[in-house]
Amino acid sequence: MMMTGMNTVVDIFCVGCGSIVGWKYESAHEKTQKYKEGKFILERFKVLGPDGSNYMVSHEALVSGSDAENA
């Protein structure tokens, strides 16, 4: 049971270390949530960058390419 209703999910894990890093929606039990089926969630704090450091998104990366630059 999730906040948005009942869903069937499967874990996504790292093949290198075996840690669970997220989940995939297999099926949604409510019609309004069917769009989630086949989609996945990765928990950013559980994923490391290519250099082994924690994956972090800078504020600049979040606004680059948006209309915020032209405002």
N, C-alpha and C. Protein backbone atom coordinates (compact mmCIF):
# COMPACT_ATOMS: atom_id res chain seq x y z
N MET A 1 0.85 -1.18 0.00
CA MET A 1 0.00 0.00 0.00
C MET A 1 0.89 1.24 0.00
N MET A 2 0.62 2.14 -0.94
CA MET A 2 1.35 3.41 -1.01
C MET A 2 0.35 4.54 -0.78
N MET A 3 0.87 5.74 -0.67
CA MET A 3 -0.01 6.88 -0.44
C MET A 3 -1.04 7.05 -1.55
N THR A 4 -0.68 6.66 -2.77
CA THR A 4 -1.58 6.81 -3.91
C THR A 4 -2.46 5.60 -4.15
N GLY A 5 -2.37 4.60 -3.28
CA GLY A 5 -3.22 3.43 -3.42
C GLY A 5 -2.41 2.15 -3.47
N MET A 6 -3.09 1.06 -3.77
CA MET A 6 -2.47 -0.26 -3.81
C MET A 6 -1.78 -0.46 -5.15
N ASN A 7 -0.51 -0.86 -5.10
CA ASN A 7 0.28 -1.13 -6.29
C ASN A 7 1.09 -2.41 -6.06
N THR A 8 1.35 -3.13 -7.15
CA THR A 8 2.28 -4.25 -7.09
C THR A 8 3.60 -3.75 -7.65
N VAL A 9 4.66 -3.85 -6.86
CA VAL A 9 5.97 -3.35 -7.28
C VAL A 9 7.02 -4.45 -7.15
N VAL A 10 8.12 -4.28 -7.88
CA VAL A 10 9.28 -5.15 -7.74
C VAL A 10 10.50 -4.27 -7.48
N ASP A 11 11.43 -4.80 -6.70
CA ASP A 11 12.64 -4.05 -6.37
C ASP A 11 13.57 -3.96 -7.56
N ILE A 12 14.29 -2.84 -7.64
CA ILE A 12 15.38 -2.67 -8.59
C ILE A 12 16.65 -2.68 -7.75
N PHE A 13 17.62 -3.50 -8.14
CA PHE A 13 18.83 -3.60 -7.34
C PHE A 13 20.07 -3.43 -8.20
N CYS A 14 21.16 -3.05 -7.55
CA CYS A 14 22.46 -2.88 -8.19
C CYS A 14 23.07 -4.26 -8.42
N VAL A 15 23.50 -4.55 -9.65
CA VAL A 15 24.12 -5.84 -9.92
C VAL A 15 25.54 -5.90 -9.37
N GLY A 16 26.12 -4.74 -9.04
CA GLY A 16 27.46 -4.71 -8.49
C GLY A 16 27.50 -5.06 -7.01
N CYS A 17 26.60 -4.44 -6.22
CA CYS A 17 26.66 -4.65 -4.77
C CYS A 17 25.41 -5.30 -4.19
N GLY A 18 24.35 -5.39 -4.99
CA GLY A 18 23.12 -6.03 -4.52
C GLY A 18 22.18 -5.13 -3.74
N SER A 19 22.54 -3.86 -3.56
CA SER A 19 21.68 -2.93 -2.82
C SER A 19 20.42 -2.61 -3.61
N ILE A 20 19.31 -2.49 -2.91
CA ILE A 20 18.06 -2.07 -3.54
C ILE A 20 18.13 -0.55 -3.75
N VAL A 21 17.95 -0.11 -5.00
CA VAL A 21 18.07 1.31 -5.34
C VAL A 21 16.75 1.93 -5.79
N GLY A 22 15.69 1.15 -5.85
CA GLY A 22 14.40 1.68 -6.27
C GLY A 22 13.38 0.58 -6.49
N TRP A 23 12.33 0.91 -7.24
CA TRP A 23 11.30 -0.08 -7.54
C TRP A 23 10.64 0.21 -8.87
N LYS A 24 9.99 -0.81 -9.43
CA LYS A 24 9.25 -0.71 -10.68
C LYS A 24 7.80 -1.06 -10.40
N TYR A 25 6.89 -0.29 -10.96
CA TYR A 25 5.46 -0.57 -10.82
C TYR A 25 5.06 -1.66 -11.81
N GLU A 26 4.67 -2.80 -11.29
CA GLU A 26 4.20 -3.90 -12.13
C GLU A 26 2.72 -3.71 -12.47
N SER A 27 1.91 -3.41 -11.46
CA SER A 27 0.48 -3.17 -11.72
C SER A 27 -0.09 -2.24 -10.66
N ALA A 28 -1.06 -1.46 -11.09
CA ALA A 28 -1.78 -0.56 -10.20
C ALA A 28 -3.20 -1.08 -10.07
N HIS A 29 -3.73 -1.04 -8.87
CA HIS A 29 -5.04 -1.61 -8.64
C HIS A 29 -6.17 -0.60 -8.82
N GLU A 30 -5.82 0.69 -8.93
CA GLU A 30 -6.82 1.73 -9.15
C GLU A 30 -6.68 2.27 -10.58
N LYS A 31 -7.80 2.51 -11.24
CA LYS A 31 -7.79 3.00 -12.62
C LYS A 31 -6.97 4.27 -12.79
N THR A 32 -7.08 5.19 -11.83
CA THR A 32 -6.39 6.48 -11.94
C THR A 32 -4.87 6.35 -11.83
N GLN A 33 -4.38 5.20 -11.40
CA GLN A 33 -2.95 5.00 -11.22
C GLN A 33 -2.32 4.08 -12.28
N LYS A 34 -3.12 3.65 -13.26
CA LYS A 34 -2.65 2.71 -14.28
C LYS A 34 -1.48 3.27 -15.10
N TYR A 35 -1.36 4.58 -15.20
CA TYR A 35 -0.28 5.20 -15.98
C TYR A 35 1.10 4.84 -15.40
N LYS A 36 1.17 4.42 -14.15
CA LYS A 36 2.43 4.08 -13.50
C LYS A 36 2.98 2.72 -13.93
N GLU A 37 2.14 1.86 -14.44
CA GLU A 37 2.56 0.51 -14.78
C GLU A 37 3.72 0.54 -15.77
N GLY A 38 4.79 -0.19 -15.45
CA GLY A 38 5.98 -0.23 -16.29
C GLY A 38 6.99 0.87 -15.99
N LYS A 39 6.59 1.87 -15.20
CA LYS A 39 7.49 2.96 -14.84
C LYS A 39 8.32 2.55 -13.63
N PHE A 40 9.43 3.24 -13.39
CA PHE A 40 10.27 2.90 -12.26
C PHE A 40 10.72 4.14 -11.50
N ILE A 41 11.09 3.93 -10.27
CA ILE A 41 11.58 4.98 -9.38
C ILE A 41 12.97 4.59 -8.91
N LEU A 42 13.95 5.48 -9.08
CA LEU A 42 15.28 5.29 -8.51
C LEU A 42 15.45 6.30 -7.39
N GLU A 43 15.88 5.85 -6.24
CA GLU A 43 16.10 6.74 -5.11
C GLU A 43 17.49 7.33 -5.23
N ARG A 44 17.55 8.63 -5.52
CA ARG A 44 18.80 9.31 -5.83
C ARG A 44 19.87 9.12 -4.76
N PHE A 45 19.47 9.16 -3.49
CA PHE A 45 20.46 9.04 -2.42
C PHE A 45 21.08 7.66 -2.33
N LYS A 46 20.52 6.68 -3.05
CA LYS A 46 21.08 5.33 -3.04
C LYS A 46 21.94 5.04 -4.26
N VAL A 47 22.06 6.02 -5.17
CA VAL A 47 22.81 5.83 -6.41
C VAL A 47 24.09 6.67 -6.34
N LEU A 48 25.22 6.07 -6.71
CA LEU A 48 26.49 6.79 -6.73
C LEU A 48 26.83 7.24 -8.13
N GLY A 49 27.54 8.36 -8.23
CA GLY A 49 27.98 8.87 -9.51
C GLY A 49 29.13 8.05 -10.06
N PRO A 50 29.59 8.35 -11.27
CA PRO A 50 30.66 7.56 -11.91
C PRO A 50 31.98 7.60 -11.14
N ASP A 51 32.20 8.63 -10.32
CA ASP A 51 33.43 8.72 -9.55
C ASP A 51 33.28 8.12 -8.15
N GLY A 52 32.13 7.53 -7.84
CA GLY A 52 31.90 6.91 -6.55
C GLY A 52 31.30 7.82 -5.51
N SER A 53 31.13 9.09 -5.86
CA SER A 53 30.52 10.03 -4.91
C SER A 53 29.00 9.95 -5.00
N ASN A 54 28.32 10.47 -3.96
CA ASN A 54 26.86 10.49 -3.99
C ASN A 54 26.39 11.33 -5.16
N TYR A 55 25.34 10.87 -5.80
CA TYR A 55 24.76 11.58 -6.94
C TYR A 55 24.00 12.78 -6.42
N MET A 56 24.41 13.95 -6.83
CA MET A 56 23.74 15.18 -6.40
C MET A 56 23.48 16.03 -7.63
N VAL A 57 22.34 16.68 -7.67
CA VAL A 57 22.01 17.58 -8.76
C VAL A 57 22.16 19.00 -8.23
N SER A 58 22.94 19.81 -8.92
CA SER A 58 23.11 21.19 -8.50
C SER A 58 21.90 22.01 -8.91
N HIS A 59 21.71 23.12 -8.25
CA HIS A 59 20.59 24.01 -8.57
C HIS A 59 20.69 24.48 -10.02
N GLU A 60 21.91 24.75 -10.49
CA GLU A 60 22.10 25.21 -11.87
C GLU A 60 21.63 24.17 -12.88
N ALA A 61 21.86 22.89 -12.58
CA ALA A 61 21.43 21.83 -13.48
C ALA A 61 19.92 21.76 -13.55
N LEU A 62 19.26 22.08 -12.45
CA LEU A 62 17.80 22.02 -12.43
C LEU A 62 17.17 23.12 -13.28
N VAL A 63 17.81 24.28 -13.38
CA VAL A 63 17.21 25.39 -14.12
C VAL A 63 17.82 25.57 -15.51
N SER A 64 18.91 24.87 -15.85
CA SER A 64 19.50 25.06 -17.17
C SER A 64 18.54 24.60 -18.25
N GLY A 65 18.51 25.36 -19.31
CA GLY A 65 17.62 25.02 -20.40
C GLY A 65 16.18 25.41 -20.18
N SER A 66 15.88 26.01 -19.05
CA SER A 66 14.50 26.41 -18.77
C SER A 66 14.33 27.89 -19.07
N ASP A 67 13.12 28.36 -18.96
CA ASP A 67 12.83 29.77 -19.18
C ASP A 67 13.37 30.64 -18.04
N ALA A 68 13.81 30.00 -16.94
CA ALA A 68 14.34 30.75 -15.81
C ALA A 68 15.59 31.54 -16.21
N GLU A 69 16.37 31.03 -17.17
CA GLU A 69 17.58 31.70 -17.61
C GLU A 69 17.25 32.99 -18.35
N ASN A 70 16.12 32.99 -19.03
CA ASN A 70 15.75 34.14 -19.85
C ASN A 70 14.90 35.15 -19.13
N ALA A 71 14.59 34.91 -17.86
CA ALA A 71 13.71 35.80 -17.10
C ALA A 71 14.46 37.01 -16.61
